[in-house]
Amino acid sequence: MMNVRSINYHNRHFRVLQNSASGESSGDTEFHYKHIGRIVFADYMGGNIQYGHLLGSVDEYGTLEFYYHQVNLAGELRCGHCKSRPEILTDGRIRLHESWTWTHGATGAGESIVEELAP
């Protein structure tokens, strides 16, 4: 049985379920994760985001910490920092509870929920 400490994010796809008003990702934003050792990274796009990338690591408790940068539909570059706490759903998919802060190109902070797409 999978627990949050043993999650492998490699080749998993996620979509935003909800986001704070100051965020740019939406239900049309899809993330494609890769996982090598403790390093986790993803490409994402959709909705208001032309292209984005995140890079970070997963700790011994399963918590993800990463930095992201993205270009929105207006051509603006925005960057931020995020911490994500994983939850394993009853069907085995992963839901990430995220707290994020803009660090460049926008101000504010928020929370989002991102959920793995069914295979």
PDB file of N, CA and C in Angstrom:
ATOM      1  N   MET A   1       0.837  -1.184   0.000  1.00  0.00           N
ATOM      2  CA  MET A   1       0.000   0.000   0.000  1.00  0.00           C
ATOM      3  C   MET A   1       0.885   1.252   0.000  1.00  0.00           C
ATOM      4  N   MET A   2       0.530   2.204  -0.828  1.00  0.00           N
ATOM      5  CA  MET A   2       1.312   3.429  -0.950  1.00  0.00           C
ATOM      6  C   MET A   2       1.024   4.346   0.241  1.00  0.00           C
ATOM      7  N   ASN A   3       2.089   4.981   0.758  1.00  0.00           N
ATOM      8  CA  ASN A   3       1.902   6.037   1.749  1.00  0.00           C
ATOM      9  C   ASN A   3       2.615   7.284   1.233  1.00  0.00           C
ATOM     10  N   VAL A   4       2.366   8.420   1.874  1.00  0.00           N
ATOM     11  CA  VAL A   4       2.898   9.681   1.344  1.00  0.00           C
ATOM     12  C   VAL A   4       4.414   9.717   1.293  1.00  0.00           C
ATOM     13  N   ARG A   5       5.075   8.909   2.119  1.00  0.00           N
ATOM     14  CA  ARG A   5       6.543   8.879   2.110  1.00  0.00           C
ATOM     15  C   ARG A   5       7.106   8.091   0.932  1.00  0.00           C
ATOM     16  N   SER A   6       6.275   7.267   0.295  1.00  0.00           N
ATOM     17  CA  SER A   6       6.776   6.415  -0.787  1.00  0.00           C
ATOM     18  C   SER A   6       6.211   6.792  -2.158  1.00  0.00           C
ATOM     19  N   ILE A   7       5.561   7.931  -2.272  1.00  0.00           N
ATOM     20  CA  ILE A   7       4.967   8.332  -3.552  1.00  0.00           C
ATOM     21  C   ILE A   7       6.058   8.575  -4.589  1.00  0.00           C
ATOM     22  N   ASN A   8       5.853   8.010  -5.769  1.00  0.00           N
ATOM     23  CA  ASN A   8       6.698   8.315  -6.914  1.00  0.00           C
ATOM     24  C   ASN A   8       5.837   9.105  -7.897  1.00  0.00           C
ATOM     25  N   TYR A   9       6.230  10.336  -8.174  1.00  0.00           N
ATOM     26  CA  TYR A   9       5.444  11.229  -9.025  1.00  0.00           C
ATOM     27  C   TYR A   9       5.736  11.058 -10.511  1.00  0.00           C
ATOM     28  N   HIS A  10       6.696  10.194 -10.855  1.00  0.00           N
ATOM     29  CA  HIS A  10       7.161  10.077 -12.233  1.00  0.00           C
ATOM     30  C   HIS A  10       6.016   9.718 -13.185  1.00  0.00           C
ATOM     31  N   ASN A  11       5.878  10.528 -14.236  1.00  0.00           N
ATOM     32  CA  ASN A  11       4.886  10.355 -15.302  1.00  0.00           C
ATOM     33  C   ASN A  11       3.437  10.448 -14.833  1.00  0.00           C
ATOM     34  N   ARG A  12       3.205  11.109 -13.716  1.00  0.00           N
ATOM     35  CA  ARG A  12       1.831  11.338 -13.265  1.00  0.00           C
ATOM     36  C   ARG A  12       1.352  12.691 -13.803  1.00  0.00           C
ATOM     37  N   HIS A  13       0.069  12.754 -14.117  1.00  0.00           N
ATOM     38  CA  HIS A  13      -0.549  13.966 -14.652  1.00  0.00           C
ATOM     39  C   HIS A  13      -1.559  14.498 -13.639  1.00  0.00           C
ATOM     40  N   PHE A  14      -1.528  15.810 -13.429  1.00  0.00           N
ATOM     41  CA  PHE A  14      -2.396  16.456 -12.451  1.00  0.00           C
ATOM     42  C   PHE A  14      -3.141  17.621 -13.099  1.00  0.00           C
ATOM     43  N   ARG A  15      -4.288  17.948 -12.510  1.00  0.00           N
ATOM     44  CA  ARG A  15      -5.067  19.108 -12.946  1.00  0.00           C
ATOM     45  C   ARG A  15      -5.533  19.868 -11.707  1.00  0.00           C
ATOM     46  N   VAL A  16      -5.641  21.176 -11.842  1.00  0.00           N
ATOM     47  CA  VAL A  16      -6.055  22.038 -10.732  1.00  0.00           C
ATOM     48  C   VAL A  16      -7.544  21.825 -10.443  1.00  0.00           C
ATOM     49  N   LEU A  17      -7.870  21.575  -9.171  1.00  0.00           N
ATOM     50  CA  LEU A  17      -9.264  21.486  -8.731  1.00  0.00           C
ATOM     51  C   LEU A  17      -9.769  22.840  -8.256  1.00  0.00           C
ATOM     52  N   GLN A  18      -8.933  23.545  -7.509  1.00  0.00           N
ATOM     53  CA  GLN A  18      -9.305  24.885  -7.049  1.00  0.00           C
ATOM     54  C   GLN A  18      -8.056  25.698  -6.778  1.00  0.00           C
ATOM     55  N   ASN A  19      -8.221  27.020  -6.838  1.00  0.00           N
ATOM     56  CA  ASN A  19      -7.091  27.917  -6.641  1.00  0.00           C
ATOM     57  C   ASN A  19      -7.600  29.237  -6.077  1.00  0.00           C
ATOM     58  N   SER A  20      -6.756  29.917  -5.336  1.00  0.00           N
ATOM     59  CA  SER A  20      -7.085  31.245  -4.822  1.00  0.00           C
ATOM     60  C   SER A  20      -7.217  32.227  -5.980  1.00  0.00           C
ATOM     61  N   ALA A  21      -7.936  33.307  -5.745  1.00  0.00           N
ATOM     62  CA  ALA A  21      -8.212  34.290  -6.796  1.00  0.00           C
ATOM     63  C   ALA A  21      -6.950  34.911  -7.384  1.00  0.00           C
ATOM     64  N   SER A  22      -5.884  35.033  -6.591  1.00  0.00           N
ATOM     65  CA  SER A  22      -4.653  35.659  -7.093  1.00  0.00           C
ATOM     66  C   SER A  22      -3.769  34.695  -7.881  1.00  0.00           C
ATOM     67  N   GLY A  23      -4.187  33.444  -8.020  1.00  0.00           N
ATOM     68  CA  GLY A  23      -3.432  32.465  -8.795  1.00  0.00           C
ATOM     69  C   GLY A  23      -3.807  32.508 -10.266  1.00  0.00           C
ATOM     70  N   GLU A  24      -2.959  31.938 -11.110  1.00  0.00           N
ATOM     71  CA  GLU A  24      -3.228  31.913 -12.555  1.00  0.00           C
ATOM     72  C   GLU A  24      -3.639  30.539 -13.067  1.00  0.00           C
ATOM     73  N   SER A  25      -3.288  29.484 -12.372  1.00  0.00           N
ATOM     74  CA  SER A  25      -3.666  28.156 -12.846  1.00  0.00           C
ATOM     75  C   SER A  25      -5.152  27.926 -12.583  1.00  0.00           C
ATOM     76  N   SER A  26      -5.741  27.045 -13.392  1.00  0.00           N
ATOM     77  CA  SER A  26      -7.182  26.786 -13.311  1.00  0.00           C
ATOM     78  C   SER A  26      -7.442  25.321 -13.648  1.00  0.00           C
ATOM     79  N   GLY A  27      -8.695  24.962 -13.726  1.00  0.00           N
ATOM     80  CA  GLY A  27      -9.071  23.602 -14.094  1.00  0.00           C
ATOM     81  C   GLY A  27      -8.632  23.210 -15.491  1.00  0.00           C
ATOM     82  N   ASP A  28      -8.199  24.175 -16.283  1.00  0.00           N
ATOM     83  CA  ASP A  28      -7.684  23.901 -17.630  1.00  0.00           C
ATOM     84  C   ASP A  28      -6.169  23.736 -17.654  1.00  0.00           C
ATOM     85  N   THR A  29      -5.533  23.856 -16.484  1.00  0.00           N
ATOM     86  CA  THR A  29      -4.076  23.742 -16.399  1.00  0.00           C
ATOM     87  C   THR A  29      -3.706  22.310 -16.043  1.00  0.00           C
ATOM     88  N   GLU A  30      -2.865  21.686 -16.877  1.00  0.00           N
ATOM     89  CA  GLU A  30      -2.438  20.302 -16.636  1.00  0.00           C
ATOM     90  C   GLU A  30      -0.935  20.251 -16.413  1.00  0.00           C
ATOM     91  N   PHE A  31      -0.529  19.461 -15.426  1.00  0.00           N
ATOM     92  CA  PHE A  31       0.865  19.293 -15.019  1.00  0.00           C
ATOM     93  C   PHE A  31       1.316  17.879 -15.363  1.00  0.00           C
ATOM     94  N   HIS A  32       2.533  17.745 -15.889  1.00  0.00           N
ATOM     95  CA  HIS A  32       3.136  16.436 -16.167  1.00  0.00           C
ATOM     96  C   HIS A  32       4.410  16.336 -15.339  1.00  0.00           C
ATOM     97  N   TYR A  33       4.378  15.493 -14.304  1.00  0.00           N
ATOM     98  CA  TYR A  33       5.468  15.392 -13.334  1.00  0.00           C
ATOM     99  C   TYR A  33       6.513  14.357 -13.735  1.00  0.00           C
ATOM    100  N   LYS A  34       7.738  14.613 -13.305  1.00  0.00           N
ATOM    101  CA  LYS A  34       8.862  13.672 -13.376  1.00  0.00           C
ATOM    102  C   LYS A  34       9.477  13.606 -11.982  1.00  0.00           C
ATOM    103  N   HIS A  35      10.089  12.484 -11.668  1.00  0.00           N
ATOM    104  CA  HIS A  35      10.624  12.277 -10.311  1.00  0.00           C
ATOM    105  C   HIS A  35      11.890  11.432 -10.425  1.00  0.00           C
ATOM    106  N   ILE A  36      13.011  11.995  -9.983  1.00  0.00           N
ATOM    107  CA  ILE A  36      14.296  11.291 -10.008  1.00  0.00           C
ATOM    108  C   ILE A  36      14.935  11.465  -8.639  1.00  0.00           C
ATOM    109  N   GLY A  37      15.054  10.383  -7.882  1.00  0.00           N
ATOM    110  CA  GLY A  37      15.587  10.481  -6.525  1.00  0.00           C
ATOM    111  C   GLY A  37      14.653  11.328  -5.685  1.00  0.00           C
ATOM    112  N   ARG A  38      15.201  12.398  -5.091  1.00  0.00           N
ATOM    113  CA  ARG A  38      14.360  13.320  -4.315  1.00  0.00           C
ATOM    114  C   ARG A  38      13.962  14.554  -5.120  1.00  0.00           C
ATOM    115  N   ILE A  39      14.387  14.607  -6.377  1.00  0.00           N
ATOM    116  CA  ILE A  39      14.080  15.749  -7.240  1.00  0.00           C
ATOM    117  C   ILE A  39      12.759  15.505  -7.962  1.00  0.00           C
ATOM    118  N   VAL A  40      11.903  16.508  -7.942  1.00  0.00           N
ATOM    119  CA  VAL A  40      10.619  16.462  -8.635  1.00  0.00           C
ATOM    120  C   VAL A  40      10.533  17.696  -9.530  1.00  0.00           C
ATOM    121  N   PHE A  41      10.090  17.498 -10.774  1.00  0.00           N
ATOM    122  CA  PHE A  41       9.912  18.627 -11.681  1.00  0.00           C
ATOM    123  C   PHE A  41       8.726  18.357 -12.579  1.00  0.00           C
ATOM    124  N   ALA A  42       8.184  19.415 -13.161  1.00  0.00           N
ATOM    125  CA  ALA A  42       7.010  19.258 -14.016  1.00  0.00           C
ATOM    126  C   ALA A  42       6.937  20.386 -15.025  1.00  0.00           C
ATOM    127  N   ASP A  43       6.347  20.076 -16.161  1.00  0.00           N
ATOM    128  CA  ASP A  43       5.955  21.068 -17.149  1.00  0.00           C
ATOM    129  C   ASP A  43       4.445  21.215 -17.038  1.00  0.00           C
ATOM    130  N   TYR A  44       3.942  22.420 -17.274  1.00  0.00           N
ATOM    131  CA  TYR A  44       2.497  22.606 -17.217  1.00  0.00           C
ATOM    132  C   TYR A  44       2.058  23.698 -18.179  1.00  0.00           C
ATOM    133  N   MET A  45       0.802  23.614 -18.591  1.00  0.00           N
ATOM    134  CA  MET A  45       0.216  24.602 -19.492  1.00  0.00           C
ATOM    135  C   MET A  45      -1.293  24.435 -19.487  1.00  0.00           C
ATOM    136  N   GLY A  46      -1.954  25.438 -20.042  1.00  0.00           N
ATOM    137  CA  GLY A  46      -3.406  25.397 -20.162  1.00  0.00           C
ATOM    138  C   GLY A  46      -4.064  26.524 -19.398  1.00  0.00           C
ATOM    139  N   GLY A  47      -5.268  26.862 -19.825  1.00  0.00           N
ATOM    140  CA  GLY A  47      -5.964  27.983 -19.202  1.00  0.00           C
ATOM    141  C   GLY A  47      -5.227  29.276 -19.487  1.00  0.00           C
ATOM    142  N   ASN A  48      -4.908  30.028 -18.452  1.00  0.00           N
ATOM    143  CA  ASN A  48      -4.210  31.312 -18.599  1.00  0.00           C
ATOM    144  C   ASN A  48      -2.702  31.170 -18.744  1.00  0.00           C
ATOM    145  N   ILE A  49      -2.198  29.942 -18.753  1.00  0.00           N
ATOM    146  CA  ILE A  49      -0.752  29.721 -18.770  1.00  0.00           C
ATOM    147  C   ILE A  49      -0.325  29.131 -20.112  1.00  0.00           C
ATOM    148  N   GLN A  50       0.549  29.870 -20.822  1.00  0.00           N
ATOM    149  CA  GLN A  50       1.103  29.348 -22.077  1.00  0.00           C
ATOM    150  C   GLN A  50       2.043  28.191 -21.799  1.00  0.00           C
ATOM    151  N   TYR A  51       2.940  28.391 -20.813  1.00  0.00           N
ATOM    152  CA  TYR A  51       3.899  27.350 -20.447  1.00  0.00           C
ATOM    153  C   TYR A  51       4.452  27.664 -19.067  1.00  0.00           C
ATOM    154  N   GLY A  52       4.644  26.611 -18.285  1.00  0.00           N
ATOM    155  CA  GLY A  52       5.260  26.759 -16.976  1.00  0.00           C
ATOM    156  C   GLY A  52       6.122  25.559 -16.647  1.00  0.00           C
ATOM    157  N   HIS A  53       7.002  25.752 -15.685  1.00  0.00           N
ATOM    158  CA  HIS A  53       7.902  24.691 -15.238  1.00  0.00           C
ATOM    159  C   HIS A  53       8.094  24.842 -13.735  1.00  0.00           C
ATOM    160  N   LEU A  54       8.139  23.720 -13.040  1.00  0.00           N
ATOM    161  CA  LEU A  54       8.448  23.750 -11.612  1.00  0.00           C
ATOM    162  C   LEU A  54       9.580  22.783 -11.333  1.00  0.00           C
ATOM    163  N   LEU A  55      10.372  23.096 -10.307  1.00  0.00           N
ATOM    164  CA  LEU A  55      11.514  22.279  -9.916  1.00  0.00           C
ATOM    165  C   LEU A  55      11.642  22.328  -8.405  1.00  0.00           C
ATOM    166  N   GLY A  56      11.795  21.152  -7.802  1.00  0.00           N
ATOM    167  CA  GLY A  56      11.948  21.109  -6.351  1.00  0.00           C
ATOM    168  C   GLY A  56      12.319  19.729  -5.871  1.00  0.00           C
ATOM    169  N   SER A  57      11.973  19.472  -4.614  1.00  0.00           N
ATOM    170  CA  SER A  57      12.332  18.190  -4.014  1.00  0.00           C
ATOM    171  C   SER A  57      11.227  17.728  -3.079  1.00  0.00           C
ATOM    172  N   VAL A  58      11.289  16.455  -2.757  1.00  0.00           N
ATOM    173  CA  VAL A  58      10.354  15.851  -1.813  1.00  0.00           C
ATOM    174  C   VAL A  58      11.151  15.436  -0.582  1.00  0.00           C
ATOM    175  N   ASP A  59      10.628  15.735   0.605  1.00  0.00           N
ATOM    176  CA  ASP A  59      11.357  15.387   1.827  1.00  0.00           C
ATOM    177  C   ASP A  59      10.943  14.015   2.351  1.00  0.00           C
ATOM    178  N   GLU A  60      11.531  13.612   3.468  1.00  0.00           N
ATOM    179  CA  GLU A  60      11.281  12.278   4.019  1.00  0.00           C
ATOM    180  C   GLU A  60       9.850  12.098   4.515  1.00  0.00           C
ATOM    181  N   TYR A  61       9.089  13.173   4.631  1.00  0.00           N
ATOM    182  CA  TYR A  61       7.688  13.092   5.060  1.00  0.00           C
ATOM    183  C   TYR A  61       6.715  13.169   3.892  1.00  0.00           C
ATOM    184  N   GLY A  62       7.240  13.263   2.675  1.00  0.00           N
ATOM    185  CA  GLY A  62       6.407  13.317   1.484  1.00  0.00           C
ATOM    186  C   GLY A  62       6.024  14.715   1.039  1.00  0.00           C
ATOM    187  N   THR A  63       6.450  15.740   1.782  1.00  0.00           N
ATOM    188  CA  THR A  63       6.119  17.123   1.436  1.00  0.00           C
ATOM    189  C   THR A  63       6.985  17.597   0.274  1.00  0.00           C
ATOM    190  N   LEU A  64       6.349  18.229  -0.697  1.00  0.00           N
ATOM    191  CA  LEU A  64       7.055  18.796  -1.844  1.00  0.00           C
ATOM    192  C   LEU A  64       7.325  20.272  -1.592  1.00  0.00           C
ATOM    193  N   GLU A  65       8.512  20.722  -1.974  1.00  0.00           N
ATOM    194  CA  GLU A  65       8.830  22.147  -1.959  1.00  0.00           C
ATOM    195  C   GLU A  65       9.469  22.473  -3.291  1.00  0.00           C
ATOM    196  N   PHE A  66       8.941  23.485  -3.973  1.00  0.00           N
ATOM    197  CA  PHE A  66       9.488  23.805  -5.281  1.00  0.00           C
ATOM    198  C   PHE A  66       9.322  25.279  -5.624  1.00  0.00           C
ATOM    199  N   TYR A  67      10.049  25.673  -6.662  1.00  0.00           N
ATOM    200  CA  TYR A  67       9.932  26.993  -7.263  1.00  0.00           C
ATOM    201  C   TYR A  67       9.359  26.800  -8.663  1.00  0.00           C
ATOM    202  N   TYR A  68       8.543  27.730  -9.089  1.00  0.00           N
ATOM    203  CA  TYR A  68       7.930  27.636 -10.408  1.00  0.00           C
ATOM    204  C   TYR A  68       8.092  28.953 -11.155  1.00  0.00           C
ATOM    205  N   HIS A  69       8.079  28.852 -12.478  1.00  0.00           N
ATOM    206  CA  HIS A  69       8.051  30.038 -13.334  1.00  0.00           C
ATOM    207  C   HIS A  69       7.153  29.724 -14.515  1.00  0.00           C
ATOM    208  N   GLN A  70       6.460  30.741 -14.973  1.00  0.00           N
ATOM    209  CA  GLN A  70       5.484  30.526 -16.039  1.00  0.00           C
ATOM    210  C   GLN A  70       5.300  31.800 -16.848  1.00  0.00           C
ATOM    211  N   VAL A  71       4.830  31.616 -18.086  1.00  0.00           N
ATOM    212  CA  VAL A  71       4.475  32.730 -18.955  1.00  0.00           C
ATOM    213  C   VAL A  71       2.972  32.625 -19.205  1.00  0.00           C
ATOM    214  N   ASN A  72       2.254  33.701 -18.891  1.00  0.00           N
ATOM    215  CA  ASN A  72       0.802  33.675 -19.067  1.00  0.00           C
ATOM    216  C   ASN A  72       0.412  34.094 -20.485  1.00  0.00           C
ATOM    217  N   LEU A  73      -0.885  34.107 -20.764  1.00  0.00           N
ATOM    218  CA  LEU A  73      -1.360  34.434 -22.112  1.00  0.00           C
ATOM    219  C   LEU A  73      -1.030  35.859 -22.530  1.00  0.00           C
ATOM    220  N   ALA A  74      -0.808  36.743 -21.555  1.00  0.00           N
ATOM    221  CA  ALA A  74      -0.415  38.127 -21.859  1.00  0.00           C
ATOM    222  C   ALA A  74       1.082  38.250 -22.112  1.00  0.00           C
ATOM    223  N   GLY A  75       1.818  37.126 -22.014  1.00  0.00           N
ATOM    224  CA  GLY A  75       3.259  37.139 -22.238  1.00  0.00           C
ATOM    225  C   GLY A  75       4.066  37.553 -21.023  1.00  0.00           C
ATOM    226  N   GLU A  76       3.432  37.625 -19.853  1.00  0.00           N
ATOM    227  CA  GLU A  76       4.115  38.043 -18.627  1.00  0.00           C
ATOM    228  C   GLU A  76       4.781  36.854 -17.939  1.00  0.00           C
ATOM    229  N   LEU A  77       6.027  37.048 -17.527  1.00  0.00           N
ATOM    230  CA  LEU A  77       6.759  36.037 -16.773  1.00  0.00           C
ATOM    231  C   LEU A  77       6.454  36.227 -15.296  1.00  0.00           C
ATOM    232  N   ARG A  78       6.034  35.149 -14.647  1.00  0.00           N
ATOM    233  CA  ARG A  78       5.744  35.179 -13.215  1.00  0.00           C
ATOM    234  C   ARG A  78       6.411  33.984 -12.554  1.00  0.00           C
ATOM    235  N   CYS A  79       6.889  34.199 -11.326  1.00  0.00           N
ATOM    236  CA  CYS A  79       7.608  33.160 -10.592  1.00  0.00           C
ATOM    237  C   CYS A  79       7.080  33.080  -9.171  1.00  0.00           C
ATOM    238  N   GLY A  80       7.287  31.917  -8.542  1.00  0.00           N
ATOM    239  CA  GLY A  80       6.841  31.770  -7.169  1.00  0.00           C
ATOM    240  C   GLY A  80       7.435  30.563  -6.479  1.00  0.00           C
ATOM    241  N   HIS A  81       7.036  30.400  -5.225  1.00  0.00           N
ATOM    242  CA  HIS A  81       7.489  29.320  -4.350  1.00  0.00           C
ATOM    243  C   HIS A  81       6.254  28.597  -3.832  1.00  0.00           C
ATOM    244  N   CYS A  82       6.349  27.272  -3.688  1.00  0.00           N
ATOM    245  CA  CYS A  82       5.194  26.487  -3.266  1.00  0.00           C
ATOM    246  C   CYS A  82       5.613  25.324  -2.378  1.00  0.00           C
ATOM    247  N   LYS A  83       4.770  25.007  -1.399  1.00  0.00           N
ATOM    248  CA  LYS A  83       4.893  23.776  -0.617  1.00  0.00           C
ATOM    249  C   LYS A  83       3.602  23.000  -0.798  1.00  0.00           C
ATOM    250  N   SER A  84       3.736  21.685  -1.026  1.00  0.00           N
ATOM    251  CA  SER A  84       2.580  20.832  -1.279  1.00  0.00           C
ATOM    252  C   SER A  84       2.576  19.647  -0.329  1.00  0.00           C
ATOM    253  N   ARG A  85       1.415  19.404   0.247  1.00  0.00           N
ATOM    254  CA  ARG A  85       1.225  18.257   1.133  1.00  0.00           C
ATOM    255  C   ARG A  85       0.362  17.237   0.396  1.00  0.00           C
ATOM    256  N   PRO A  86       0.875  16.014   0.196  1.00  0.00           N
ATOM    257  CA  PRO A  86       0.116  15.016  -0.549  1.00  0.00           C
ATOM    258  C   PRO A  86      -0.934  14.313   0.309  1.00  0.00           C
ATOM    259  N   GLU A  87      -1.994  13.916  -0.368  1.00  0.00           N
ATOM    260  CA  GLU A  87      -3.043  13.082   0.225  1.00  0.00           C
ATOM    261  C   GLU A  87      -3.288  11.945  -0.754  1.00  0.00           C
ATOM    262  N   ILE A  88      -3.369  10.726  -0.266  1.00  0.00           N
ATOM    263  CA  ILE A  88      -3.672   9.590  -1.130  1.00  0.00           C
ATOM    264  C   ILE A  88      -5.170   9.331  -1.051  1.00  0.00           C
ATOM    265  N   LEU A  89      -5.834   9.405  -2.194  1.00  0.00           N
ATOM    266  CA  LEU A  89      -7.278   9.204  -2.263  1.00  0.00           C
ATOM    267  C   LEU A  89      -7.616   7.719  -2.178  1.00  0.00           C
ATOM    268  N   THR A  90      -8.863   7.398  -1.903  1.00  0.00           N
ATOM    269  CA  THR A  90      -9.267   5.995  -1.735  1.00  0.00           C
ATOM    270  C   THR A  90      -9.040   5.168  -2.996  1.00  0.00           C
ATOM    271  N   ASP A  91      -9.049   5.811  -4.169  1.00  0.00           N
ATOM    272  CA  ASP A  91      -8.810   5.074  -5.415  1.00  0.00           C
ATOM    273  C   ASP A  91      -7.330   5.010  -5.787  1.00  0.00           C
ATOM    274  N   GLY A  92      -6.441   5.520  -4.892  1.00  0.00           N
ATOM    275  CA  GLY A  92      -5.001   5.442  -5.123  1.00  0.00           C
ATOM    276  C   GLY A  92      -4.401   6.658  -5.807  1.00  0.00           C
ATOM    277  N   ARG A  93      -5.245   7.545  -6.327  1.00  0.00           N
ATOM    278  CA  ARG A  93      -4.720   8.770  -6.937  1.00  0.00           C
ATOM    279  C   ARG A  93      -4.227   9.719  -5.852  1.00  0.00           C
ATOM    280  N   ILE A  94      -3.474  10.735  -6.279  1.00  0.00           N
ATOM    281  CA  ILE A  94      -2.851  11.679  -5.350  1.00  0.00           C
ATOM    282  C   ILE A  94      -3.515  13.046  -5.485  1.00  0.00           C
ATOM    283  N   ARG A  95      -3.758  13.662  -4.353  1.00  0.00           N
ATOM    284  CA  ARG A  95      -4.240  15.043  -4.301  1.00  0.00           C
ATOM    285  C   ARG A  95      -3.190  15.856  -3.551  1.00  0.00           C
ATOM    286  N   LEU A  96      -2.814  17.008  -4.105  1.00  0.00           N
ATOM    287  CA  LEU A  96      -1.822  17.882  -3.484  1.00  0.00           C
ATOM    288  C   LEU A  96      -2.494  19.140  -2.940  1.00  0.00           C
ATOM    289  N   HIS A  97      -2.266  19.413  -1.665  1.00  0.00           N
ATOM    290  CA  HIS A  97      -2.761  20.621  -1.002  1.00  0.00           C
ATOM    291  C   HIS A  97      -1.598  21.604  -0.963  1.00  0.00           C
ATOM    292  N   GLU A  98      -1.731  22.703  -1.687  1.00  0.00           N
ATOM    293  CA  GLU A  98      -0.597  23.591  -1.933  1.00  0.00           C
ATOM    294  C   GLU A  98      -0.779  24.963  -1.286  1.00  0.00           C
ATOM    295  N   SER A  99       0.322  25.474  -0.752  1.00  0.00           N
ATOM    296  CA  SER A  99       0.410  26.859  -0.278  1.00  0.00           C
ATOM    297  C   SER A  99       1.507  27.525  -1.092  1.00  0.00           C
ATOM    298  N   TRP A 100       1.196  28.630  -1.750  1.00  0.00           N
ATOM    299  CA  TRP A 100       2.147  29.253  -2.666  1.00  0.00           C
ATOM    300  C   TRP A 100       2.219  30.759  -2.454  1.00  0.00           C
ATOM    301  N   THR A 101       3.325  31.327  -2.936  1.00  0.00           N
ATOM    302  CA  THR A 101       3.569  32.768  -2.855  1.00  0.00           C
ATOM    303  C   THR A 101       4.234  33.228  -4.149  1.00  0.00           C
ATOM    304  N   TRP A 102       3.740  34.307  -4.716  1.00  0.00           N
ATOM    305  CA  TRP A 102       4.414  34.911  -5.862  1.00  0.00           C
ATOM    306  C   TRP A 102       5.710  35.559  -5.395  1.00  0.00           C
ATOM    307  N   THR A 103       6.778  35.422  -6.202  1.00  0.00           N
ATOM    308  CA  THR A 103       8.063  36.050  -5.889  1.00  0.00           C
ATOM    309  C   THR A 103       8.521  37.022  -6.980  1.00  0.00           C
ATOM    310  N   HIS A 104       7.895  36.961  -8.161  1.00  0.00           N
ATOM    311  CA  HIS A 104       8.270  37.848  -9.272  1.00  0.00           C
ATOM    312  C   HIS A 104       7.077  37.982 -10.217  1.00  0.00           C
ATOM    313  N   GLY A 105       6.800  39.189 -10.656  1.00  0.00           N
ATOM    314  CA  GLY A 105       5.787  39.418 -11.676  1.00  0.00           C
ATOM    315  C   GLY A 105       4.370  39.568 -11.158  1.00  0.00           C
ATOM    316  N   ALA A 106       4.148  39.211  -9.907  1.00  0.00           N
ATOM    317  CA  ALA A 106       2.832  39.341  -9.274  1.00  0.00           C
ATOM    318  C   ALA A 106       3.053  39.393  -7.768  1.00  0.00           C
ATOM    319  N   THR A 107       2.030  39.799  -7.045  1.00  0.00           N
ATOM    320  CA  THR A 107       2.126  39.840  -5.590  1.00  0.00           C
ATOM    321  C   THR A 107       1.026  38.980  -4.986  1.00  0.00           C
ATOM    322  N   GLY A 108       1.232  38.617  -3.738  1.00  0.00           N
ATOM    323  CA  GLY A 108       0.220  37.856  -3.029  1.00  0.00           C
ATOM    324  C   GLY A 108       0.610  36.409  -2.832  1.00  0.00           C
ATOM    325  N   ALA A 109      -0.295  35.702  -2.203  1.00  0.00           N
ATOM    326  CA  ALA A 109      -0.107  34.290  -1.886  1.00  0.00           C
ATOM    327  C   ALA A 109      -1.472  33.618  -1.930  1.00  0.00           C
ATOM    328  N   GLY A 110      -1.470  32.303  -1.896  1.00  0.00           N
ATOM    329  CA  GLY A 110      -2.743  31.599  -1.926  1.00  0.00           C
ATOM    330  C   GLY A 110      -2.582  30.125  -1.672  1.00  0.00           C
ATOM    331  N   GLU A 111      -3.680  29.427  -1.882  1.00  0.00           N
ATOM    332  CA  GLU A 111      -3.713  27.976  -1.722  1.00  0.00           C
ATOM    333  C   GLU A 111      -4.419  27.375  -2.923  1.00  0.00           C
ATOM    334  N   SER A 112      -3.996  26.183  -3.275  1.00  0.00           N
ATOM    335  CA  SER A 112      -4.638  25.477  -4.374  1.00  0.00           C
ATOM    336  C   SER A 112      -4.689  23.992  -4.055  1.00  0.00           C
ATOM    337  N   ILE A 113      -5.547  23.300  -4.787  1.00  0.00           N
ATOM    338  CA  ILE A 113      -5.619  21.845  -4.704  1.00  0.00           C
ATOM    339  C   ILE A 113      -5.449  21.318  -6.119  1.00  0.00           C
ATOM    340  N   VAL A 114      -4.513  20.400  -6.268  1.00  0.00           N
ATOM    341  CA  VAL A 114      -4.202  19.793  -7.559  1.00  0.00           C
ATOM    342  C   VAL A 114      -4.404  18.293  -7.405  1.00  0.00           C
ATOM    343  N   GLU A 115      -5.089  17.676  -8.367  1.00  0.00           N
ATOM    344  CA  GLU A 115      -5.411  16.255  -8.232  1.00  0.00           C
ATOM    345  C   GLU A 115      -4.951  15.471  -9.455  1.00  0.00           C
ATOM    346  N   GLU A 116      -4.443  14.273  -9.182  1.00  0.00           N
ATOM    347  CA  GLU A 116      -3.979  13.396 -10.258  1.00  0.00           C
ATOM    348  C   GLU A 116      -5.147  12.982 -11.141  1.00  0.00           C
ATOM    349  N   LEU A 117      -4.911  12.974 -12.442  1.00  0.00           N
ATOM    350  CA  LEU A 117      -5.910  12.512 -13.393  1.00  0.00           C
ATOM    351  C   LEU A 117      -5.977  10.991 -13.365  1.00  0.00           C
ATOM    352  N   ALA A 118      -7.147  10.448 -13.589  1.00  0.00           N
ATOM    353  CA  ALA A 118      -7.302   8.993 -13.645  1.00  0.00           C
ATOM    354  C   ALA A 118      -6.537   8.461 -14.852  1.00  0.00           C
ATOM    355  N   PRO A 119      -5.910   7.285 -14.698  1.00  0.00           N
ATOM    356  CA  PRO A 119      -5.129   6.728 -15.824  1.00  0.00           C
ATOM    357  C   PRO A 119      -5.995   6.392 -17.025  1.00  0.00           C
TER     358      PRO A 119
END
